[in-house]
Amino acid sequence: MGLSCVDAPQCYREAQGKTEWEAAMREEIEALHNNATWELVPKPKDAELVTSEAKRQLIAAGFNLLNENDEWDLKPGGRYFFTRNMSSLVAFAIGEKYSVGSGFHVIAAHTDSPCLKLKPKSASSKSGYQMVNVQTYGGGLWHTWFDRDLTVAGRVIVKASDGSFMHKLVKVKRPLLRVPTLAIHLDRTVNKDGFKPNLENHLVPLLATKLEDSVDFKDKSKSQSSKAAHHPLLMKILSEELGCNVDEIMSIELNVCDTQPSCLGGGNDEFIFSGRLDNLASSYCALKALVASCELPGDLASEHAIRMVALFDNEEVGSDSVQGAGAPTMFQAMRRIVDCLSHGYLRESAFERAIRQSFLVSADMAHGVHPNFVDKHEDHHRPELQKGLVIKHNANQRYATSGVTAFLFKEIAKIHCLPTQEFVVRNDMGCGSTIGPILASGVGIRTVDCGIAQLSMHSVREICGKEDIDIAYKHFKAFYKTFSSVDKKLNVD
């Protein structure tokens, strides 16, 4: 549709009268009303592009864009959001009956996935080929990246004609890169000994053949002697995508990603085959649930709490970044919201009281039982595809779920006739973690860890069940609409 993230309207009124944005709003509202289940669409392939798409959907649904640098003017019944680094996002809807001390009902997820990232100096050449040097990001199954049709996506800084600088997002849609495997004739023992590539020497994407055969330069001698950080051919392709001159590109931050779109598969079209299901599937369901929970005029009329979605970057590498869950982004936003809505309230601990009333759902994909490796799961905790959200438990607090938080989340499912499953890792295996414990310990917010069961986690191409997307969306929407009434029935302290 050609929507520009630079010229995006800041609120619903600004979007009115602009043909492209009005079409986007109609598309979103019609989809929410008409889809019996969520239609599978190709997802952006980069964390910044994911946030840009979430931004588009929120504006189309009537949410107002805030800036962290500005003073906020918030009102009960209002819907708002902001982004940080264009790779994390916080969106919230304030109940019309909000009063000081009311809590936050939050679903938090992460937008990043294991991938390859271009090094600051990516240009190299080997045996007559132009190669692109990359870093590994996160714990990927790197052997799955070989022999795939790959491309690049990410952000660039472009210099404008007036001397200012613009932040732009870019994705080259056509296959641009490939990491070829070594023929079995040259590696006869690979099937016996296993494929064990050296990630520095062997995981280097191929861009083109030698320089003079790849692009028509006016001054070949100058270009060949240049010690540019990136191949001139790559920069030319980026400039064409951006509609600018090569010398106007000041900086780039690019990921390598797979070009194959998401699709339905299996004998009954019951599976989703896609890259980055971990964790775009959770992010998608959370965002859609928030929008759907407050799309009609009366949806917030009886709500005392604040419904929130928080999407973070850098979970795959520990969350310790300005746009990660380790930063105080969400808690700073909560405090600002409470302060803004207090209107001179002078009594003690408005924010702390709000946190005591709050609840967080940490949504990250879960390990479904693998039919060929059943013994990797604990005997009585083997989540299956198409059987609902998986509640994750770990006695050593690798997950933030407690008996109380699990009960509350399952009670919501029970009321709405939604299935749930439970997962515990084997005692003889290590346990992964999520942003749940990070956020739970940040200010002491009650938290449950859950996720959609999947196979092939951290592969370039993953699998989950189609029905689980619909169940997760319904469970998250039910959480927003039902949690207040369920929570009132339980008294712990």
Protein backbone atom coordinates (compact mmCIF):
# COMPACT_ATOMS: atom_id res chain seq x y z
CA MET A 1 0.00 0.00 0.00
CA GLY A 2 3.06 2.21 0.21
CA LEU A 3 2.34 3.64 3.68
CA SER A 4 5.22 5.74 4.96
CA CYS A 5 6.33 5.31 8.54
CA VAL A 6 7.93 8.77 8.38
CA ASP A 7 4.65 10.54 7.45
CA ALA A 8 2.37 8.36 9.56
CA PRO A 9 -0.60 10.20 11.10
CA GLN A 10 -0.38 10.68 14.85
CA CYS A 11 -4.07 10.06 15.58
CA TYR A 12 -7.35 9.02 13.96
CA ARG A 13 -8.28 12.56 12.95
CA GLU A 14 -5.05 13.04 11.04
CA ALA A 15 -5.60 9.74 9.21
CA GLN A 16 -9.02 10.86 7.99
CA GLY A 17 -9.01 12.30 4.49
CA LYS A 18 -5.87 10.41 3.45
CA THR A 19 -6.85 7.75 0.95
CA GLU A 20 -4.15 5.21 1.83
CA TRP A 21 -4.70 5.42 5.58
CA GLU A 22 -8.47 5.33 5.32
CA ALA A 23 -8.10 2.16 3.22
CA ALA A 24 -5.81 0.68 5.88
CA MET A 25 -8.35 1.43 8.62
CA ARG A 26 -11.19 -0.14 6.62
CA GLU A 27 -9.05 -3.21 5.96
CA GLU A 28 -8.30 -3.72 9.65
CA ILE A 29 -11.86 -3.19 10.87
CA GLU A 30 -13.34 -5.45 8.18
CA ALA A 31 -10.81 -8.17 9.04
CA LEU A 32 -11.69 -8.00 12.73
CA HIS A 33 -15.40 -8.36 11.98
CA ASN A 34 -15.38 -10.81 9.10
CA ASN A 35 -12.62 -13.35 9.76
CA ALA A 36 -13.88 -16.50 11.43
CA THR A 37 -10.23 -17.24 12.14
CA TRP A 38 -7.28 -14.93 11.63
CA GLU A 39 -6.13 -14.88 8.02
CA LEU A 40 -2.49 -15.84 7.64
CA VAL A 41 -0.50 -13.06 5.97
CA PRO A 42 3.23 -12.76 5.29
CA LYS A 43 4.89 -11.11 8.26
CA PRO A 44 7.67 -8.51 8.16
CA LYS A 45 11.10 -10.10 8.43
CA ASP A 46 12.82 -7.64 10.77
CA ALA A 47 12.13 -6.34 14.26
CA GLU A 48 11.96 -2.70 13.07
CA LEU A 49 9.54 -3.67 10.27
CA VAL A 50 7.42 -5.60 12.78
CA THR A 51 7.07 -2.50 14.96
CA SER A 52 6.24 -0.41 11.90
CA GLU A 53 3.44 -2.84 10.97
CA ALA A 54 2.13 -2.83 14.56
CA LYS A 55 2.18 0.96 14.45
CA ARG A 56 0.14 0.95 11.24
CA GLN A 57 -2.45 -1.39 12.69
CA LEU A 58 -2.81 0.61 15.91
CA ILE A 59 -3.29 3.92 14.09
CA ALA A 60 -5.81 2.27 11.79
CA ALA A 61 -7.71 1.09 14.88
CA GLY A 62 -7.86 4.59 16.37
CA PHE A 63 -4.95 4.51 18.82
CA ASN A 64 -3.09 7.81 19.31
CA LEU A 65 0.68 7.90 18.85
CA LEU A 66 2.64 9.33 21.79
CA ASN A 67 6.25 10.48 21.94
CA GLU A 68 8.34 9.62 25.00
CA ASN A 69 9.99 13.06 24.72
CA ASP A 70 6.70 14.94 25.03
CA GLU A 71 4.37 15.62 27.94
CA TRP A 72 1.41 13.25 27.80
CA ASP A 73 -2.25 14.24 28.06
CA LEU A 74 -4.16 11.03 28.83
CA LYS A 75 -7.83 10.51 29.59
CA PRO A 76 -9.96 7.55 30.75
CA GLY A 77 -11.37 5.79 27.70
CA GLY A 78 -8.36 6.82 25.61
CA ARG A 79 -6.18 4.50 23.53
CA TYR A 80 -2.49 5.27 23.07
CA PHE A 81 0.89 3.82 22.09
CA PHE A 82 4.54 4.72 21.60
CA THR A 83 7.61 3.07 20.09
CA ARG A 84 11.23 2.99 21.17
CA ASN A 85 14.04 2.49 18.65
CA MET A 86 11.30 1.37 16.21
CA SER A 87 11.83 -2.16 17.52
CA SER A 88 9.85 -2.09 20.78
CA LEU A 89 6.32 -0.84 21.41
CA VAL A 90 3.93 -0.18 24.30
CA ALA A 91 0.19 0.24 23.60
CA PHE A 92 -2.57 0.73 26.16
CA ALA A 93 -6.27 1.45 26.56
CA ILE A 94 -7.52 3.17 29.72
CA GLY A 95 -10.77 2.00 31.28
CA GLU A 96 -13.46 4.68 31.46
CA LYS A 97 -13.95 3.93 35.17
CA TYR A 98 -10.25 4.22 35.97
CA SER A 99 -9.45 5.48 39.44
CA VAL A 100 -6.10 6.08 41.12
CA GLY A 101 -4.62 2.75 42.21
CA SER A 102 -6.31 0.66 39.51
CA GLY A 103 -3.99 -1.91 37.95
CA PHE A 104 -2.52 -2.77 34.57
CA HIS A 105 -3.46 -5.93 32.68
CA VAL A 106 -0.48 -6.56 30.42
CA ILE A 107 0.51 -9.04 27.73
CA ALA A 108 4.23 -8.84 26.96
CA ALA A 109 6.10 -10.53 24.12
CA HIS A 110 9.27 -10.07 22.10
CA THR A 111 9.66 -9.18 18.44
CA ASP A 112 13.15 -10.47 17.70
CA SER A 113 14.25 -13.91 16.47
CA PRO A 114 17.62 -15.57 15.85
CA CYS A 115 19.05 -14.35 12.57
CA LEU A 116 22.17 -13.22 10.77
CA LYS A 117 23.16 -9.54 10.98
CA LEU A 118 25.55 -7.73 8.67
CA LYS A 119 28.85 -6.82 10.26
CA PRO A 120 29.86 -3.12 10.31
CA LYS A 121 32.26 -3.96 7.48
CA SER A 122 30.42 -6.62 5.52
CA ALA A 123 32.22 -6.53 2.17
CA SER A 124 34.61 -9.39 1.42
CA SER A 125 35.65 -11.44 -1.59
CA LYS A 126 36.59 -15.10 -1.97
CA SER A 127 37.56 -17.00 -5.12
CA GLY A 128 35.91 -14.50 -7.44
CA TYR A 129 32.70 -14.14 -5.37
CA GLN A 130 31.39 -11.13 -3.51
CA MET A 131 30.56 -12.29 0.02
CA VAL A 132 28.67 -10.56 2.83
CA ASN A 133 30.17 -10.95 6.31
CA VAL A 134 27.59 -11.56 9.03
CA GLN A 135 27.26 -12.02 12.78
CA THR A 136 25.06 -14.65 14.37
CA TYR A 137 22.31 -13.18 16.54
CA GLY A 138 20.82 -15.39 19.24
CA GLY A 139 20.81 -19.19 19.38
CA GLY A 140 19.71 -20.13 15.89
CA LEU A 141 19.73 -23.55 14.24
CA TRP A 142 22.29 -22.21 11.81
CA HIS A 143 22.46 -25.28 9.59
CA THR A 144 18.89 -24.49 8.47
CA TRP A 145 20.08 -21.23 6.89
CA PHE A 146 22.09 -23.05 4.24
CA ASP A 147 20.62 -23.31 0.73
CA ARG A 148 17.81 -20.86 1.47
CA ASP A 149 16.75 -17.91 -0.70
CA LEU A 150 17.76 -15.03 1.53
CA THR A 151 17.51 -11.25 1.44
CA VAL A 152 18.12 -8.26 3.73
CA ALA A 153 15.84 -6.04 5.80
CA GLY A 154 16.38 -3.37 8.41
CA ARG A 155 16.99 0.32 8.86
CA VAL A 156 19.04 2.99 7.14
CA ILE A 157 19.88 6.61 7.91
CA VAL A 158 19.47 8.77 4.80
CA LYS A 159 20.69 12.35 4.34
CA ALA A 160 18.01 14.70 3.00
CA SER A 161 18.60 17.57 0.59
CA ASP A 162 18.30 20.12 3.42
CA GLY A 163 21.09 18.45 5.39
CA SER A 164 18.85 16.69 7.91
CA PHE A 165 18.83 12.93 8.45
CA MET A 166 15.89 10.56 8.05
CA HIS A 167 15.35 7.13 9.57
CA LYS A 168 13.92 4.74 6.97
CA LEU A 169 13.02 1.05 6.90
CA VAL A 170 13.93 -1.13 3.96
CA LYS A 171 13.36 -4.71 2.80
CA VAL A 172 14.59 -6.16 -0.47
CA LYS A 173 11.85 -8.58 -1.47
CA ARG A 174 13.71 -10.62 -4.08
CA PRO A 175 16.25 -13.39 -3.27
CA LEU A 176 19.54 -11.60 -2.85
CA LEU A 177 21.84 -13.85 -0.82
CA ARG A 178 22.52 -17.56 -0.39
CA VAL A 179 24.75 -19.70 1.82
CA PRO A 180 25.51 -22.79 -0.31
CA THR A 181 26.33 -26.12 1.30
CA LEU A 182 29.36 -28.17 0.26
CA ALA A 183 28.51 -30.97 -2.17
CA ILE A 184 28.50 -34.42 -0.62
CA HIS A 185 31.16 -35.48 -3.15
CA LEU A 186 33.55 -33.14 -1.31
CA ASP A 187 32.34 -34.07 2.18
CA ARG A 188 31.74 -37.84 2.06
CA THR A 189 31.30 -38.34 5.82
CA VAL A 190 28.79 -35.53 6.46
CA ASN A 191 25.80 -37.87 6.91
CA LYS A 192 27.75 -40.05 9.34
CA ASP A 193 29.66 -37.41 11.28
CA GLY A 194 27.06 -34.64 11.08
CA PHE A 195 27.03 -31.23 9.47
CA LYS A 196 29.28 -29.03 11.64
CA PRO A 197 29.96 -25.76 9.86
CA ASN A 198 32.42 -23.24 11.25
CA LEU A 199 30.19 -20.20 11.79
CA GLU A 200 32.93 -17.70 10.95
CA ASN A 201 34.27 -19.38 7.81
CA HIS A 202 31.32 -21.29 6.36
CA LEU A 203 28.25 -19.21 7.24
CA VAL A 204 29.05 -16.38 4.84
CA PRO A 205 26.32 -15.48 2.30
CA LEU A 206 27.17 -15.16 -1.37
CA LEU A 207 26.03 -11.93 -3.08
CA ALA A 208 27.43 -12.02 -6.61
CA THR A 209 30.36 -12.97 -8.77
CA LYS A 210 33.40 -10.75 -9.12
CA LEU A 211 32.85 -7.01 -9.00
CA GLU A 212 33.34 -6.06 -12.65
CA ASP A 213 30.68 -8.58 -13.77
CA SER A 214 28.08 -7.43 -11.22
CA VAL A 215 27.41 -3.75 -11.82
CA ASP A 216 28.22 -1.11 -14.38
CA PHE A 217 30.33 1.50 -12.65
CA LYS A 218 31.36 4.71 -14.37
CA ASP A 219 34.74 4.61 -12.66
CA LYS A 220 35.70 0.97 -12.09
CA SER A 221 39.22 1.70 -10.95
CA LYS A 222 37.96 4.04 -8.26
CA SER A 223 35.30 1.61 -7.05
CA GLN A 224 37.66 -1.33 -7.01
CA SER A 225 40.29 0.54 -5.02
CA SER A 226 37.70 1.89 -2.57
CA LYS A 227 37.72 0.38 0.91
CA ALA A 228 33.98 0.76 1.38
CA ALA A 229 32.46 -1.03 4.34
CA HIS A 230 29.81 -2.65 2.16
CA HIS A 231 29.80 -3.84 -1.43
CA PRO A 232 28.88 -1.07 -3.91
CA LEU A 233 26.43 -3.50 -5.50
CA LEU A 234 24.58 -3.95 -2.21
CA MET A 235 24.49 -0.20 -1.65
CA LYS A 236 23.15 0.32 -5.17
CA ILE A 237 20.34 -2.19 -4.53
CA LEU A 238 19.46 -0.45 -1.26
CA SER A 239 19.42 2.98 -2.91
CA GLU A 240 17.03 1.69 -5.57
CA GLU A 241 14.69 0.30 -2.90
CA LEU A 242 14.81 3.59 -0.99
CA GLY A 243 14.60 5.89 -4.01
CA CYS A 244 17.74 7.81 -3.09
CA ASN A 245 21.34 8.14 -4.23
CA VAL A 246 24.01 5.83 -2.82
CA ASP A 247 25.95 8.76 -1.35
CA GLU A 248 22.84 9.79 0.61
CA ILE A 249 22.92 6.56 2.64
CA MET A 250 24.80 7.43 5.81
CA SER A 251 24.38 4.26 7.88
CA ILE A 252 22.79 0.84 7.61
CA GLU A 253 21.67 -1.80 10.14
CA LEU A 254 20.52 -4.89 8.26
CA ASN A 255 19.42 -8.42 9.07
CA VAL A 256 19.51 -11.38 6.73
CA CYS A 257 16.12 -13.07 6.40
CA ASP A 258 14.36 -15.78 4.43
CA THR A 259 12.24 -14.73 1.44
CA GLN A 260 9.73 -17.59 1.53
CA PRO A 261 6.34 -16.29 2.70
CA SER A 262 4.27 -17.87 5.45
CA CYS A 263 1.77 -20.49 4.31
CA LEU A 264 -0.66 -23.13 5.51
CA GLY A 265 0.40 -26.76 5.15
CA GLY A 266 -0.29 -30.33 6.16
CA GLY A 267 -2.90 -32.74 4.85
CA ASN A 268 -5.73 -30.63 6.24
CA ASP A 269 -4.02 -27.24 6.01
CA GLU A 270 -3.82 -27.36 9.80
CA PHE A 271 -0.20 -26.16 10.18
CA ILE A 272 1.42 -22.79 9.72
CA PHE A 273 4.85 -22.97 8.10
CA SER A 274 6.71 -19.70 8.64
CA GLY A 275 9.90 -18.04 9.70
CA ARG A 276 10.00 -16.29 13.08
CA LEU A 277 6.88 -17.78 14.61
CA ASP A 278 8.97 -17.41 17.76
CA ASN A 279 7.84 -14.88 18.65
CA LEU A 280 5.80 -13.00 16.05
CA ALA A 281 2.87 -15.36 16.56
CA SER A 282 2.57 -14.23 20.20
CA SER A 283 3.08 -10.56 19.29
CA TYR A 284 0.40 -10.80 16.61
CA CYS A 285 -2.18 -12.43 18.90
CA ALA A 286 -1.50 -9.99 21.74
CA LEU A 287 -1.83 -6.91 19.55
CA LYS A 288 -4.99 -8.18 17.85
CA ALA A 289 -6.52 -9.05 21.23
CA LEU A 290 -5.88 -5.57 22.63
CA VAL A 291 -7.38 -3.89 19.56
CA ALA A 292 -10.42 -6.20 19.57
CA SER A 293 -10.98 -5.75 23.31
CA CYS A 294 -11.62 -2.03 22.91
CA GLU A 295 -12.81 -1.55 19.32
CA LEU A 296 -16.48 -0.87 20.15
CA PRO A 297 -17.66 2.29 21.96
CA GLY A 298 -18.80 0.43 25.08
CA ASP A 299 -15.85 -1.93 25.46
CA LEU A 300 -14.09 0.23 28.06
CA ALA A 301 -17.24 1.60 29.72
CA SER A 302 -17.11 -0.65 32.80
CA GLU A 303 -13.34 -1.19 32.89
CA HIS A 304 -11.39 0.15 35.90
CA ALA A 305 -7.98 -1.16 34.80
CA ILE A 306 -5.59 -0.25 32.00
CA ARG A 307 -5.17 -2.85 29.23
CA MET A 308 -1.65 -2.95 27.82
CA VAL A 309 0.58 -4.70 25.28
CA ALA A 310 4.37 -4.44 25.53
CA LEU A 311 6.53 -5.75 22.69
CA PHE A 312 10.28 -5.86 23.29
CA ASP A 313 13.41 -6.39 21.22
CA ASN A 314 16.58 -8.36 22.06
CA GLU A 315 15.01 -11.17 24.11
CA GLU A 316 17.05 -13.72 22.17
CA VAL A 317 20.27 -12.20 23.49
CA GLY A 318 19.29 -11.52 27.11
CA SER A 319 17.04 -8.41 26.91
CA ASP A 320 19.76 -6.09 28.26
CA SER A 321 19.33 -3.15 25.87
CA VAL A 322 17.50 0.17 25.70
CA GLN A 323 14.74 -1.51 23.66
CA GLY A 324 14.77 -4.82 25.57
CA ALA A 325 12.67 -6.02 28.50
CA GLY A 326 15.65 -5.40 30.79
CA ALA A 327 15.20 -1.65 30.29
CA PRO A 328 12.58 0.14 32.44
CA THR A 329 10.50 1.09 29.38
CA MET A 330 7.25 -0.52 30.46
CA PHE A 331 7.54 0.51 34.11
CA GLN A 332 8.41 4.09 33.20
CA ALA A 333 5.34 4.15 30.96
CA MET A 334 3.19 2.76 33.79
CA ARG A 335 4.43 5.42 36.20
CA ARG A 336 3.84 8.18 33.67
CA ILE A 337 0.32 6.92 33.02
CA VAL A 338 -0.49 6.82 36.75
CA ASP A 339 0.99 10.29 37.29
CA CYS A 340 -0.88 11.71 34.31
CA LEU A 341 -4.21 10.30 35.48
CA SER A 342 -3.74 11.24 39.15
CA HIS A 343 -4.68 14.92 38.61
CA GLY A 344 -2.98 16.24 41.71
CA TYR A 345 -3.67 13.17 43.86
CA LEU A 346 -1.40 13.66 46.86
CA ARG A 347 -1.92 10.53 48.89
CA GLU A 348 0.84 7.95 49.12
CA SER A 349 2.00 5.28 46.68
CA ALA A 350 -0.41 5.54 43.75
CA PHE A 351 2.01 3.70 41.45
CA GLU A 352 2.91 1.00 43.97
CA ARG A 353 -0.77 0.34 44.68
CA ALA A 354 -1.41 0.05 40.94
CA ILE A 355 1.35 -2.56 40.61
CA ARG A 356 -0.21 -4.63 43.41
CA GLN A 357 -3.42 -4.71 41.38
CA SER A 358 -1.64 -5.58 38.12
CA PHE A 359 -1.09 -8.84 36.24
CA LEU A 360 1.29 -9.69 33.41
CA VAL A 361 1.03 -12.44 30.79
CA SER A 362 4.47 -13.25 29.38
CA ALA A 363 3.75 -14.74 25.96
CA ASP A 364 6.55 -16.68 24.26
CA MET A 365 6.36 -19.77 22.09
CA ALA A 366 6.49 -23.18 23.78
CA HIS A 367 8.12 -26.51 22.88
CA GLY A 368 5.55 -28.88 21.45
CA VAL A 369 6.34 -32.58 21.78
CA HIS A 370 8.30 -33.79 18.73
CA PRO A 371 6.96 -37.12 17.38
CA ASN A 372 10.49 -38.26 16.51
CA PHE A 373 12.05 -37.16 19.81
CA VAL A 374 9.32 -37.85 22.38
CA ASP A 375 11.90 -38.67 25.07
CA LYS A 376 13.05 -35.04 25.12
CA HIS A 377 9.88 -34.14 27.04
CA GLU A 378 8.94 -35.03 30.61
CA ASP A 379 6.46 -37.92 30.52
CA HIS A 380 3.44 -36.04 31.87
CA HIS A 381 4.07 -32.63 30.33
CA ARG A 382 4.07 -33.01 26.56
CA PRO A 383 2.29 -30.07 24.91
CA GLU A 384 0.65 -30.80 21.57
CA LEU A 385 -0.16 -28.59 18.62
CA GLN A 386 -3.82 -27.48 18.31
CA LYS A 387 -4.45 -28.03 22.06
CA GLY A 388 -4.31 -24.46 23.36
CA LEU A 389 -1.86 -22.22 25.19
CA VAL A 390 0.91 -23.89 27.19
CA ILE A 391 1.43 -22.64 30.76
CA LYS A 392 5.12 -22.92 31.64
CA HIS A 393 6.36 -23.91 35.09
CA ASN A 394 9.88 -24.07 36.57
CA ALA A 395 10.70 -24.50 40.26
CA ASN A 396 13.97 -22.59 39.77
CA GLN A 397 12.12 -19.51 38.46
CA ARG A 398 13.27 -19.75 34.87
CA TYR A 399 9.59 -19.06 34.25
CA ALA A 400 7.65 -16.60 36.43
CA THR A 401 4.50 -18.73 36.78
CA SER A 402 3.26 -19.46 40.32
CA GLY A 403 0.40 -21.59 41.53
CA VAL A 404 -1.73 -18.47 41.96
CA THR A 405 -1.00 -16.91 38.57
CA ALA A 406 -1.49 -20.22 36.77
CA PHE A 407 -4.86 -20.66 38.48
CA LEU A 408 -6.07 -17.20 37.47
CA PHE A 409 -5.03 -17.64 33.85
CA LYS A 410 -6.60 -21.10 33.65
CA GLU A 411 -9.79 -19.84 35.28
CA ILE A 412 -10.19 -17.31 32.47
CA ALA A 413 -9.81 -20.15 29.95
CA LYS A 414 -12.32 -22.27 31.84
CA ILE A 415 -14.95 -19.53 31.78
CA HIS A 416 -14.56 -19.19 28.00
CA CYS A 417 -14.25 -22.94 27.32
CA LEU A 418 -10.69 -22.64 26.03
CA PRO A 419 -8.15 -25.47 26.37
CA THR A 420 -4.82 -25.08 28.17
CA GLN A 421 -1.75 -27.28 28.59
CA GLU A 422 1.19 -27.31 30.99
CA PHE A 423 4.92 -27.72 30.52
CA VAL A 424 7.80 -28.61 32.83
CA VAL A 425 11.28 -29.38 31.54
CA ARG A 426 12.95 -32.70 32.42
CA ASN A 427 15.19 -32.66 35.50
CA ASP A 428 18.13 -33.88 33.42
CA MET A 429 17.86 -31.02 30.90
CA GLY A 430 18.47 -27.29 31.11
CA CYS A 431 15.53 -24.92 30.99
CA GLY A 432 15.24 -21.85 28.80
CA SER A 433 13.74 -18.61 30.04
CA THR A 434 11.63 -15.67 28.89
CA ILE A 435 11.08 -12.00 29.59
CA GLY A 436 8.63 -13.13 32.32
CA PRO A 437 11.11 -13.34 35.24
CA ILE A 438 12.80 -10.10 34.12
CA LEU A 439 9.55 -8.14 34.19
CA ALA A 440 8.13 -9.91 37.25
CA SER A 441 11.18 -9.03 39.34
CA GLY A 442 11.40 -5.49 37.95
CA VAL A 443 8.66 -4.10 40.21
CA GLY A 444 7.05 -7.21 41.66
CA ILE A 445 4.17 -7.70 39.24
CA ARG A 446 2.23 -10.99 39.28
CA THR A 447 3.17 -12.95 36.16
CA VAL A 448 2.27 -16.10 34.25
CA ASP A 449 4.47 -17.51 31.48
CA CYS A 450 2.65 -19.10 28.56
CA GLY A 451 3.05 -19.78 24.85
CA ILE A 452 1.78 -21.41 21.70
CA ALA A 453 3.20 -24.91 21.14
CA GLN A 454 5.48 -25.19 18.12
CA LEU A 455 8.07 -27.40 16.43
CA SER A 456 11.41 -26.44 14.85
CA MET A 457 11.96 -23.54 17.25
CA HIS A 458 14.82 -21.28 16.14
CA SER A 459 14.96 -22.84 12.68
CA VAL A 460 14.80 -20.53 9.69
CA ARG A 461 11.40 -22.18 9.07
CA GLU A 462 9.14 -23.12 12.00
CA ILE A 463 5.80 -24.90 12.51
CA CYS A 464 2.76 -24.27 14.70
CA GLY A 465 -0.92 -25.19 14.62
CA LYS A 466 -3.43 -22.95 12.87
CA GLU A 467 -6.06 -23.48 15.55
CA ASP A 468 -3.61 -22.41 18.26
CA ILE A 469 -3.37 -18.92 16.78
CA ASP A 470 -7.13 -18.54 17.09
CA ILE A 471 -7.16 -20.02 20.60
CA ALA A 472 -4.34 -17.72 21.75
CA TYR A 473 -6.14 -14.67 20.35
CA LYS A 474 -9.37 -15.66 22.11
CA HIS A 475 -7.55 -16.39 25.39
CA PHE A 476 -5.73 -13.04 25.33
CA LYS A 477 -8.93 -11.17 24.48
CA ALA A 478 -10.73 -12.99 27.30
CA PHE A 479 -7.91 -12.00 29.66
CA TYR A 480 -8.48 -8.32 28.91
CA LYS A 481 -12.25 -8.56 29.24
CA THR A 482 -12.52 -11.01 32.16
CA PHE A 483 -9.49 -10.71 34.44
CA SER A 484 -10.87 -7.95 36.66
CA SER A 485 -13.91 -10.00 37.63
CA VAL A 486 -11.89 -13.20 38.17
CA ASP A 487 -9.22 -11.49 40.26
CA LYS A 488 -11.81 -10.06 42.66
CA LYS A 489 -12.85 -13.58 43.66
CA LEU A 490 -9.39 -14.59 44.93
CA ASN A 491 -7.86 -13.22 48.12
CA VAL A 492 -4.25 -14.23 48.82
CA ASP A 493 -2.77 -11.49 51.05
